[in-house]
Amino acid sequence: MDGADKSFEEIAREWMEESSGSLKVSSVSNYRYKLEKHVIPYFAGVPYGEITPAAARRFAEELPGKGYSKKYTEDILVVLRMVTRYASRRYCLANPADSIIFPKRKESLRLKGGSLTEKEEEILRGGLLDGTDLTKAGIYLVLTTGMRLGELCALRWKDIDLEQAQIRVAETLQRIPVDGGTALVLTEIKSGAARRRIPLTESAAGVIGRFAAGQGMFFLTGTGQPADPRTMQNRLKALARELGLPNISFSCLRGTFIEGCARQGMDAAALSRILGNASLAMSLEYCRGSEQGGKR
């Protein structure tokens, strides 16, 4: 069958099958969810060859009106574009999604997660160092290293070197959609940038050192079972309410760490290595934003 005569759904599923072997489990789940939830239903029953650039643009223009964030909207459009590029490559068909204009959004951690004011950070640090338990120790670790939540939940004691005052980031834990529900998936970090070592401050090393456990145990639980990222988010929100702080996410803690490094004049390349960013662009933008913003 010629590609133009196949339905959009058939071609989308072909692309998904071809791509699954080269993508991370979390990426496959993410793409499949957006295909099934948003893209395939919109083009259901339509032969691929009948999908025009105007139809693709209408799809893109309708998404913002459904209340999705710019980031989520862009992610849906990226999936559509990957399918259409596959069709162009596999069947030599015109790409109807080439004319889609993506929504503008700044690639800035300041906007994605925000950051705490110096006073708010002081209050949070005080709360974390008062009656510190494993949850508070984990939150403190993110605040002082800029780790991602999935990296924190996947952290094991074998990756913590208190003598050298550093941690090795080698795995990540994510909750992903699976068969109509969700599941926790622990995966090895393969990216050269994200797989890294992060220095610990003397204070952070002292805080987490109180809870040392066996090499194979997860840091946040002290057992062979990791903590659920969703549980950690809820605990952080509860702590923020207890301390009289605004709603805080782990992205906000990461943003606070970045802004602190930028204020202290840390080189953007060094900051990028600590954060595990694939490029310097995001770190450079954040550093510029901090310099222009002055004191908070």
C-alpha atoms as a PDB file:
ATOM      1  CA  MET A   1       0.000   0.000   0.000  1.00  0.00           C
ATOM      2  CA  ASP A   2       1.239   3.453  -0.931  1.00  0.00           C
ATOM      3  CA  GLY A   3       1.946   5.662   2.095  1.00  0.00           C
ATOM      4  CA  ALA A   4      -0.532   8.310   0.937  1.00  0.00           C
ATOM      5  CA  ASP A   5      -3.337   5.726   1.044  1.00  0.00           C
ATOM      6  CA  LYS A   6      -2.573   4.595   4.568  1.00  0.00           C
ATOM      7  CA  SER A   7      -4.403   6.244   7.433  1.00  0.00           C
ATOM      8  CA  PHE A   8      -2.585   8.672   9.664  1.00  0.00           C
ATOM      9  CA  GLU A   9      -3.020   6.179  12.501  1.00  0.00           C
ATOM     10  CA  GLU A  10      -1.295   3.405  10.557  1.00  0.00           C
ATOM     11  CA  ILE A  11       1.699   5.576   9.783  1.00  0.00           C
ATOM     12  CA  ALA A  12       1.852   6.903  13.348  1.00  0.00           C
ATOM     13  CA  ARG A  13       1.946   3.370  14.718  1.00  0.00           C
ATOM     14  CA  GLU A  14       4.618   2.401  12.201  1.00  0.00           C
ATOM     15  CA  TRP A  15       6.753   5.295  13.395  1.00  0.00           C
ATOM     16  CA  MET A  16       6.186   4.352  17.028  1.00  0.00           C
ATOM     17  CA  GLU A  17       7.209   0.755  16.390  1.00  0.00           C
ATOM     18  CA  GLU A  18      10.315   1.767  14.459  1.00  0.00           C
ATOM     19  CA  SER A  19      11.383   4.300  17.090  1.00  0.00           C
ATOM     20  CA  SER A  20      10.776   2.181  20.192  1.00  0.00           C
ATOM     21  CA  GLY A  21      14.071   0.325  19.944  1.00  0.00           C
ATOM     22  CA  SER A  22      16.185   3.479  20.009  1.00  0.00           C
ATOM     23  CA  LEU A  23      14.294   5.484  22.655  1.00  0.00           C
ATOM     24  CA  LYS A  24      14.242   5.357  26.437  1.00  0.00           C
ATOM     25  CA  VAL A  25      11.286   3.578  28.020  1.00  0.00           C
ATOM     26  CA  SER A  26      10.032   6.859  29.465  1.00  0.00           C
ATOM     27  CA  SER A  27      10.226   8.579  26.063  1.00  0.00           C
ATOM     28  CA  VAL A  28       8.339   5.760  24.337  1.00  0.00           C
ATOM     29  CA  SER A  29       5.603   5.946  26.964  1.00  0.00           C
ATOM     30  CA  ASN A  30       5.431   9.727  26.736  1.00  0.00           C
ATOM     31  CA  TYR A  31       5.188   9.768  22.923  1.00  0.00           C
ATOM     32  CA  ARG A  32       2.656   6.946  22.813  1.00  0.00           C
ATOM     33  CA  TYR A  33       0.445   8.704  25.369  1.00  0.00           C
ATOM     34  CA  LYS A  34       0.390  11.952  23.382  1.00  0.00           C
ATOM     35  CA  LEU A  35      -0.274  10.081  20.148  1.00  0.00           C
ATOM     36  CA  GLU A  36      -3.196   8.141  21.613  1.00  0.00           C
ATOM     37  CA  LYS A  37      -4.610  11.055  23.627  1.00  0.00           C
ATOM     38  CA  HIS A  38      -4.285  13.955  21.201  1.00  0.00           C
ATOM     39  CA  VAL A  39      -2.887  13.323  17.738  1.00  0.00           C
ATOM     40  CA  ILE A  40      -4.442  10.075  16.487  1.00  0.00           C
ATOM     41  CA  PRO A  41      -8.026  10.964  17.584  1.00  0.00           C
ATOM     42  CA  TYR A  42      -7.829  14.284  15.704  1.00  0.00           C
ATOM     43  CA  PHE A  43      -6.793  12.658  12.426  1.00  0.00           C
ATOM     44  CA  ALA A  44      -8.777   9.430  12.923  1.00  0.00           C
ATOM     45  CA  GLY A  45      -9.799   7.743   9.684  1.00  0.00           C
ATOM     46  CA  VAL A  46      -8.091  10.317   7.464  1.00  0.00           C
ATOM     47  CA  PRO A  47      -5.812   8.956   4.714  1.00  0.00           C
ATOM     48  CA  TYR A  48      -2.359  10.396   5.278  1.00  0.00           C
ATOM     49  CA  GLY A  49      -2.239  11.828   1.760  1.00  0.00           C
ATOM     50  CA  GLU A  50      -5.296  13.982   2.488  1.00  0.00           C
ATOM     51  CA  ILE A  51      -3.748  15.757   5.474  1.00  0.00           C
ATOM     52  CA  THR A  52      -2.890  19.240   4.238  1.00  0.00           C
ATOM     53  CA  PRO A  53      -0.639  21.894   5.820  1.00  0.00           C
ATOM     54  CA  ALA A  54      -3.817  23.832   6.622  1.00  0.00           C
ATOM     55  CA  ALA A  55      -5.232  20.830   8.527  1.00  0.00           C
ATOM     56  CA  ALA A  56      -2.004  20.447  10.491  1.00  0.00           C
ATOM     57  CA  ARG A  57      -2.041  24.163  11.343  1.00  0.00           C
ATOM     58  CA  ARG A  58      -5.675  23.954  12.504  1.00  0.00           C
ATOM     59  CA  PHE A  59      -4.695  21.136  14.843  1.00  0.00           C
ATOM     60  CA  ALA A  60      -1.873  23.259  16.266  1.00  0.00           C
ATOM     61  CA  GLU A  61      -4.047  26.362  16.600  1.00  0.00           C
ATOM     62  CA  GLU A  62      -6.766  24.519  18.517  1.00  0.00           C
ATOM     63  CA  LEU A  63      -4.451  23.145  21.231  1.00  0.00           C
ATOM     64  CA  PRO A  64      -3.945  26.389  23.233  1.00  0.00           C
ATOM     65  CA  GLY A  65      -7.712  26.778  23.560  1.00  0.00           C
ATOM     66  CA  LYS A  66      -7.853  23.463  25.428  1.00  0.00           C
ATOM     67  CA  GLY A  67      -5.992  24.923  28.383  1.00  0.00           C
ATOM     68  CA  TYR A  68      -2.673  23.166  27.864  1.00  0.00           C
ATOM     69  CA  SER A  69       0.569  24.888  28.812  1.00  0.00           C
ATOM     70  CA  LYS A  70       2.895  26.100  26.064  1.00  0.00           C
ATOM     71  CA  LYS A  71       5.348  23.355  26.979  1.00  0.00           C
ATOM     72  CA  TYR A  72       2.710  20.609  26.788  1.00  0.00           C
ATOM     73  CA  THR A  73       1.354  22.033  23.527  1.00  0.00           C
ATOM     74  CA  GLU A  74       4.834  22.062  22.051  1.00  0.00           C
ATOM     75  CA  ASP A  75       5.419  18.463  23.154  1.00  0.00           C
ATOM     76  CA  ILE A  76       2.258  17.349  21.319  1.00  0.00           C
ATOM     77  CA  LEU A  77       3.355  19.162  18.174  1.00  0.00           C
ATOM     78  CA  VAL A  78       6.816  17.621  18.381  1.00  0.00           C
ATOM     79  CA  VAL A  79       5.223  14.168  18.315  1.00  0.00           C
ATOM     80  CA  LEU A  80       3.122  15.115  15.289  1.00  0.00           C
ATOM     81  CA  ARG A  81       6.188  16.438  13.508  1.00  0.00           C
ATOM     82  CA  MET A  82       8.170  13.271  14.216  1.00  0.00           C
ATOM     83  CA  VAL A  83       5.399  11.202  12.629  1.00  0.00           C
ATOM     84  CA  THR A  84       5.209  13.418   9.541  1.00  0.00           C
ATOM     85  CA  ARG A  85       8.985  13.429   9.152  1.00  0.00           C
ATOM     86  CA  TYR A  86       8.943   9.638   9.312  1.00  0.00           C
ATOM     87  CA  ALA A  87       6.324   9.587   6.542  1.00  0.00           C
ATOM     88  CA  SER A  88       8.430  11.958   4.444  1.00  0.00           C
ATOM     89  CA  ARG A  89      11.499   9.763   4.859  1.00  0.00           C
ATOM     90  CA  ARG A  90       9.769   6.396   4.502  1.00  0.00           C
ATOM     91  CA  TYR A  91       7.290   7.182   1.722  1.00  0.00           C
ATOM     92  CA  CYS A  92       8.752  10.352   0.151  1.00  0.00           C
ATOM     93  CA  LEU A  93       5.595  12.299   1.026  1.00  0.00           C
ATOM     94  CA  ALA A  94       5.294  16.026   1.616  1.00  0.00           C
ATOM     95  CA  ASN A  95       5.413  17.004   5.288  1.00  0.00           C
ATOM     96  CA  PRO A  96       2.139  18.781   6.217  1.00  0.00           C
ATOM     97  CA  ALA A  97       3.522  19.794   9.632  1.00  0.00           C
ATOM     98  CA  ASP A  98       6.448  21.806   8.260  1.00  0.00           C
ATOM     99  CA  SER A  99       4.401  25.001   8.263  1.00  0.00           C
ATOM    100  CA  ILE A 100       3.411  24.755  11.935  1.00  0.00           C
ATOM    101  CA  ILE A 101       4.727  27.623  14.039  1.00  0.00           C
ATOM    102  CA  PHE A 102       5.547  26.473  17.549  1.00  0.00           C
ATOM    103  CA  PRO A 103       4.352  28.580  20.505  1.00  0.00           C
ATOM    104  CA  LYS A 104       7.045  30.875  21.821  1.00  0.00           C
ATOM    105  CA  ARG A 105       8.431  30.102  25.239  1.00  0.00           C
ATOM    106  CA  LYS A 106      11.688  31.012  26.916  1.00  0.00           C
ATOM    107  CA  GLU A 107      13.963  28.119  27.729  1.00  0.00           C
ATOM    108  CA  SER A 108      14.661  29.385  31.196  1.00  0.00           C
ATOM    109  CA  LEU A 109      14.642  27.533  34.467  1.00  0.00           C
ATOM    110  CA  ARG A 110      13.599  30.806  36.069  1.00  0.00           C
ATOM    111  CA  LEU A 111      10.295  30.585  34.197  1.00  0.00           C
ATOM    112  CA  LYS A 112       9.898  26.818  34.397  1.00  0.00           C
ATOM    113  CA  GLY A 113      10.341  26.389  38.100  1.00  0.00           C
ATOM    114  CA  GLY A 114      10.965  29.832  39.517  1.00  0.00           C
ATOM    115  CA  SER A 115      13.211  30.316  42.524  1.00  0.00           C
ATOM    116  CA  LEU A 116      12.890  31.229  46.168  1.00  0.00           C
ATOM    117  CA  THR A 117      13.712  34.675  47.476  1.00  0.00           C
ATOM    118  CA  GLU A 118      16.690  34.821  49.805  1.00  0.00           C
ATOM    119  CA  LYS A 119      14.349  35.131  52.788  1.00  0.00           C
ATOM    120  CA  GLU A 120      12.261  32.146  51.671  1.00  0.00           C
ATOM    121  CA  GLU A 121      15.408  30.093  51.119  1.00  0.00           C
ATOM    122  CA  GLU A 122      16.591  30.987  54.625  1.00  0.00           C
ATOM    123  CA  ILE A 123      13.274  29.842  56.108  1.00  0.00           C
ATOM    124  CA  LEU A 124      13.353  26.597  54.129  1.00  0.00           C
ATOM    125  CA  ARG A 125      16.937  25.817  55.120  1.00  0.00           C
ATOM    126  CA  GLY A 126      16.051  26.378  58.758  1.00  0.00           C
ATOM    127  CA  GLY A 127      13.108  23.998  58.492  1.00  0.00           C
ATOM    128  CA  LEU A 128      15.198  21.351  56.747  1.00  0.00           C
ATOM    129  CA  LEU A 129      17.920  21.467  59.381  1.00  0.00           C
ATOM    130  CA  ASP A 130      15.405  21.259  62.253  1.00  0.00           C
ATOM    131  CA  GLY A 131      14.557  17.638  63.054  1.00  0.00           C
ATOM    132  CA  THR A 132      16.098  16.428  59.809  1.00  0.00           C
ATOM    133  CA  ASP A 133      14.771  13.105  58.509  1.00  0.00           C
ATOM    134  CA  LEU A 134      15.409  11.366  55.185  1.00  0.00           C
ATOM    135  CA  THR A 135      12.817  13.443  53.358  1.00  0.00           C
ATOM    136  CA  LYS A 136      14.279  16.709  54.614  1.00  0.00           C
ATOM    137  CA  ALA A 137      17.794  15.476  53.845  1.00  0.00           C
ATOM    138  CA  GLY A 138      16.735  14.745  50.267  1.00  0.00           C
ATOM    139  CA  ILE A 139      15.162  18.159  49.835  1.00  0.00           C
ATOM    140  CA  TYR A 140      18.296  19.770  51.274  1.00  0.00           C
ATOM    141  CA  LEU A 141      20.406  17.785  48.812  1.00  0.00           C
ATOM    142  CA  VAL A 142      18.457  19.167  45.843  1.00  0.00           C
ATOM    143  CA  LEU A 143      18.643  22.696  47.237  1.00  0.00           C
ATOM    144  CA  THR A 144      22.445  22.451  47.521  1.00  0.00           C
ATOM    145  CA  THR A 145      23.264  20.439  44.372  1.00  0.00           C
ATOM    146  CA  GLY A 146      20.569  21.256  41.813  1.00  0.00           C
ATOM    147  CA  MET A 147      19.766  17.579  41.258  1.00  0.00           C
ATOM    148  CA  ARG A 148      16.564  16.641  39.436  1.00  0.00           C
ATOM    149  CA  LEU A 149      13.829  14.916  41.414  1.00  0.00           C
ATOM    150  CA  GLY A 150      14.094  11.692  39.397  1.00  0.00           C
ATOM    151  CA  GLU A 151      17.840  11.625  40.032  1.00  0.00           C
ATOM    152  CA  LEU A 152      17.309  12.118  43.764  1.00  0.00           C
ATOM    153  CA  CYS A 153      14.788   9.277  43.981  1.00  0.00           C
ATOM    154  CA  ALA A 154      17.162   6.958  42.097  1.00  0.00           C
ATOM    155  CA  LEU A 155      20.208   7.850  44.202  1.00  0.00           C
ATOM    156  CA  ARG A 156      21.794   4.886  46.013  1.00  0.00           C
ATOM    157  CA  TRP A 157      24.427   4.849  48.695  1.00  0.00           C
ATOM    158  CA  LYS A 158      26.923   3.272  46.309  1.00  0.00           C
ATOM    159  CA  ASP A 159      26.820   6.568  44.399  1.00  0.00           C
ATOM    160  CA  ILE A 160      27.581   8.719  47.448  1.00  0.00           C
ATOM    161  CA  ASP A 161      31.229   9.323  48.366  1.00  0.00           C
ATOM    162  CA  LEU A 162      31.357  11.223  51.641  1.00  0.00           C
ATOM    163  CA  GLU A 163      35.163  11.129  51.800  1.00  0.00           C
ATOM    164  CA  GLN A 164      35.497  12.843  48.441  1.00  0.00           C
ATOM    165  CA  ALA A 165      32.356  14.909  49.134  1.00  0.00           C
ATOM    166  CA  GLN A 166      30.649  14.081  45.878  1.00  0.00           C
ATOM    167  CA  ILE A 167      27.759  12.084  44.441  1.00  0.00           C
ATOM    168  CA  ARG A 168      27.552  10.205  41.158  1.00  0.00           C
ATOM    169  CA  VAL A 169      24.379  10.645  39.131  1.00  0.00           C
ATOM    170  CA  ALA A 170      23.881   7.428  37.163  1.00  0.00           C
ATOM    171  CA  GLU A 171      20.155   6.576  37.265  1.00  0.00           C
ATOM    172  CA  THR A 172      16.785   8.292  37.234  1.00  0.00           C
ATOM    173  CA  LEU A 173      13.334   7.254  38.457  1.00  0.00           C
ATOM    174  CA  GLN A 174      10.193   8.352  36.641  1.00  0.00           C
ATOM    175  CA  ARG A 175       6.482   7.645  36.850  1.00  0.00           C
ATOM    176  CA  ILE A 176       5.238   7.066  33.326  1.00  0.00           C
ATOM    177  CA  PRO A 177       1.874   6.167  31.737  1.00  0.00           C
ATOM    178  CA  VAL A 178       1.465   2.410  31.185  1.00  0.00           C
ATOM    179  CA  ASP A 179      -1.671   0.572  29.967  1.00  0.00           C
ATOM    180  CA  GLY A 180      -4.125   3.175  31.205  1.00  0.00           C
ATOM    181  CA  GLY A 181      -2.319   3.648  34.531  1.00  0.00           C
ATOM    182  CA  THR A 182       1.168   4.624  35.614  1.00  0.00           C
ATOM    183  CA  ALA A 183       4.292   2.783  36.715  1.00  0.00           C
ATOM    184  CA  LEU A 184       7.618   3.687  38.267  1.00  0.00           C
ATOM    185  CA  VAL A 185      10.525   3.025  35.915  1.00  0.00           C
ATOM    186  CA  LEU A 186      14.161   3.103  37.019  1.00  0.00           C
ATOM    187  CA  THR A 187      16.536   3.662  34.131  1.00  0.00           C
ATOM    188  CA  GLU A 188      20.243   4.144  33.692  1.00  0.00           C
ATOM    189  CA  ILE A 189      21.257   7.605  32.530  1.00  0.00           C
ATOM    190  CA  LYS A 190      22.993   7.249  29.169  1.00  0.00           C
ATOM    191  CA  SER A 191      23.487  10.896  28.243  1.00  0.00           C
ATOM    192  CA  GLY A 192      27.083  12.002  28.700  1.00  0.00           C
ATOM    193  CA  ALA A 193      25.985  15.342  30.143  1.00  0.00           C
ATOM    194  CA  ALA A 194      23.401  13.991  32.593  1.00  0.00           C
ATOM    195  CA  ARG A 195      25.659  11.162  33.817  1.00  0.00           C
ATOM    196  CA  ARG A 196      27.939  13.159  36.066  1.00  0.00           C
ATOM    197  CA  ARG A 197      29.524  13.766  39.472  1.00  0.00           C
ATOM    198  CA  ILE A 198      28.316  16.611  41.677  1.00  0.00           C
ATOM    199  CA  PRO A 199      30.358  18.134  44.528  1.00  0.00           C
ATOM    200  CA  LEU A 200      28.782  18.238  47.982  1.00  0.00           C
ATOM    201  CA  THR A 201      29.053  21.198  50.294  1.00  0.00           C
ATOM    202  CA  GLU A 202      30.405  20.459  53.754  1.00  0.00           C
ATOM    203  CA  SER A 203      26.950  21.117  55.162  1.00  0.00           C
ATOM    204  CA  ALA A 204      25.212  18.746  52.697  1.00  0.00           C
ATOM    205  CA  ALA A 205      27.744  15.995  53.330  1.00  0.00           C
ATOM    206  CA  GLY A 206      27.173  16.352  57.066  1.00  0.00           C
ATOM    207  CA  VAL A 207      23.377  16.227  56.708  1.00  0.00           C
ATOM    208  CA  ILE A 208      23.171  13.148  54.529  1.00  0.00           C
ATOM    209  CA  GLY A 209      26.023  11.358  56.297  1.00  0.00           C
ATOM    210  CA  ARG A 210      23.781  10.780  59.336  1.00  0.00           C
ATOM    211  CA  PHE A 211      21.661   8.340  57.360  1.00  0.00           C
ATOM    212  CA  ALA A 212      24.353   6.124  55.807  1.00  0.00           C
ATOM    213  CA  ALA A 213      23.071   2.689  54.754  1.00  0.00           C
ATOM    214  CA  GLY A 214      24.224  -0.282  52.695  1.00  0.00           C
ATOM    215  CA  GLN A 215      25.739   0.354  49.264  1.00  0.00           C
ATOM    216  CA  GLY A 216      22.756  -1.038  47.348  1.00  0.00           C
ATOM    217  CA  MET A 217      20.161   0.834  49.388  1.00  0.00           C
ATOM    218  CA  PHE A 218      18.344   3.885  48.059  1.00  0.00           C
ATOM    219  CA  PHE A 219      19.262   7.107  49.820  1.00  0.00           C
ATOM    220  CA  LEU A 220      15.728   8.416  50.395  1.00  0.00           C
ATOM    221  CA  THR A 221      14.408   5.212  51.980  1.00  0.00           C
ATOM    222  CA  GLY A 222      17.455   3.402  53.359  1.00  0.00           C
ATOM    223  CA  THR A 223      15.972   0.240  51.775  1.00  0.00           C
ATOM    224  CA  GLY A 224      16.049  -1.578  48.449  1.00  0.00           C
ATOM    225  CA  GLN A 225      12.880   0.218  47.329  1.00  0.00           C
ATOM    226  CA  PRO A 226      13.054   3.786  45.970  1.00  0.00           C
ATOM    227  CA  ALA A 227      10.801   6.644  47.017  1.00  0.00           C
ATOM    228  CA  ASP A 228       8.048   7.666  44.606  1.00  0.00           C
ATOM    229  CA  PRO A 229       8.744  11.108  43.030  1.00  0.00           C
ATOM    230  CA  ARG A 230       5.062  11.957  43.447  1.00  0.00           C
ATOM    231  CA  THR A 231       5.294  11.219  47.178  1.00  0.00           C
ATOM    232  CA  MET A 232       8.321  13.469  47.483  1.00  0.00           C
ATOM    233  CA  GLN A 233       6.507  16.300  45.703  1.00  0.00           C
ATOM    234  CA  ASN A 234       3.606  15.988  48.139  1.00  0.00           C
ATOM    235  CA  ARG A 235       5.961  15.982  51.127  1.00  0.00           C
ATOM    236  CA  LEU A 236       7.705  19.107  49.872  1.00  0.00           C
ATOM    237  CA  LYS A 237       4.366  20.886  49.465  1.00  0.00           C
ATOM    238  CA  ALA A 238       3.332  19.852  52.981  1.00  0.00           C
ATOM    239  CA  LEU A 239       6.605  21.139  54.420  1.00  0.00           C
ATOM    240  CA  ALA A 240       6.200  24.440  52.564  1.00  0.00           C
ATOM    241  CA  ARG A 241       2.722  24.900  54.054  1.00  0.00           C
ATOM    242  CA  GLU A 242       4.067  24.088  57.516  1.00  0.00           C
ATOM    243  CA  LEU A 243       6.779  26.737  57.124  1.00  0.00           C
ATOM    244  CA  GLY A 244       4.385  29.340  55.721  1.00  0.00           C
ATOM    245  CA  LEU A 245       6.040  29.296  52.306  1.00  0.00           C
ATOM    246  CA  PRO A 246       4.336  29.453  48.899  1.00  0.00           C
ATOM    247  CA  ASN A 247       3.781  26.293  46.891  1.00  0.00           C
ATOM    248  CA  ILE A 248       7.253  24.912  46.061  1.00  0.00           C
ATOM    249  CA  SER A 249       8.279  22.317  43.487  1.00  0.00           C
ATOM    250  CA  PHE A 250      11.580  20.518  43.099  1.00  0.00           C
ATOM    251  CA  SER A 251      12.115  22.542  39.913  1.00  0.00           C
ATOM    252  CA  CYS A 252      11.934  25.625  42.115  1.00  0.00           C
ATOM    253  CA  LEU A 253      14.674  24.209  44.359  1.00  0.00           C
ATOM    254  CA  ARG A 254      16.818  23.557  41.292  1.00  0.00           C
ATOM    255  CA  GLY A 255      16.157  27.100  40.097  1.00  0.00           C
ATOM    256  CA  THR A 256      17.150  28.471  43.519  1.00  0.00           C
ATOM    257  CA  PHE A 257      20.423  26.542  43.382  1.00  0.00           C
ATOM    258  CA  ILE A 258      21.148  27.876  39.889  1.00  0.00           C
ATOM    259  CA  GLU A 259      20.393  31.460  40.847  1.00  0.00           C
ATOM    260  CA  GLY A 260      22.653  31.180  43.900  1.00  0.00           C
ATOM    261  CA  CYS A 261      25.508  29.885  41.733  1.00  0.00           C
ATOM    262  CA  ALA A 262      24.968  32.661  39.208  1.00  0.00           C
ATOM    263  CA  ARG A 263      24.980  35.342  41.938  1.00  0.00           C
ATOM    264  CA  GLN A 264      28.283  34.002  43.200  1.00  0.00           C
ATOM    265  CA  GLY A 265      29.781  34.299  39.737  1.00  0.00           C
ATOM    266  CA  MET A 266      30.094  30.601  38.904  1.00  0.00           C
ATOM    267  CA  ASP A 267      31.310  29.968  35.377  1.00  0.00           C
ATOM    268  CA  ALA A 268      28.395  28.924  33.141  1.00  0.00           C
ATOM    269  CA  ALA A 269      30.315  25.927  31.765  1.00  0.00           C
ATOM    270  CA  ALA A 270      30.999  24.616  35.280  1.00  0.00           C
ATOM    271  CA  LEU A 271      27.370  25.183  36.269  1.00  0.00           C
ATOM    272  CA  SER A 272      26.190  23.341  33.146  1.00  0.00           C
ATOM    273  CA  ARG A 273      28.317  20.310  34.093  1.00  0.00           C
ATOM    274  CA  ILE A 274      26.863  20.225  37.603  1.00  0.00           C
ATOM    275  CA  LEU A 275      23.308  20.506  36.275  1.00  0.00           C
ATOM    276  CA  GLY A 276      23.793  17.855  33.615  1.00  0.00           C
ATOM    277  CA  ASN A 277      22.538  20.119  30.847  1.00  0.00           C
ATOM    278  CA  ALA A 278      23.103  18.945  27.284  1.00  0.00           C
ATOM    279  CA  SER A 279      24.269  22.432  26.265  1.00  0.00           C
ATOM    280  CA  LEU A 280      25.396  25.696  27.780  1.00  0.00           C
ATOM    281  CA  ALA A 281      22.443  27.647  26.400  1.00  0.00           C
ATOM    282  CA  MET A 282      20.100  27.245  29.361  1.00  0.00           C
ATOM    283  CA  SER A 283      22.806  27.921  31.956  1.00  0.00           C
ATOM    284  CA  LEU A 284      24.053  30.970  30.084  1.00  0.00           C
ATOM    285  CA  GLU A 285      20.537  32.422  29.825  1.00  0.00           C
ATOM    286  CA  TYR A 286      19.902  31.895  33.497  1.00  0.00           C
ATOM    287  CA  CYS A 287      23.217  33.492  34.470  1.00  0.00           C
ATOM    288  CA  ARG A 288      22.406  36.527  32.306  1.00  0.00           C
ATOM    289  CA  GLY A 289      18.967  36.771  33.876  1.00  0.00           C
ATOM    290  CA  SER A 290      20.461  36.718  37.358  1.00  0.00           C
ATOM    291  CA  GLU A 291      22.986  39.429  36.506  1.00  0.00           C
ATOM    292  CA  GLN A 292      20.310  41.668  35.005  1.00  0.00           C
ATOM    293  CA  GLY A 293      17.878  41.102  37.828  1.00  0.00           C
ATOM    294  CA  GLY A 294      20.266  42.202  40.531  1.00  0.00           C
ATOM    295  CA  LYS A 295      19.477  41.397  44.138  1.00  0.00           C
ATOM    296  CA  ARG A 296      16.189  39.720  44.932  1.00  0.00           C
END
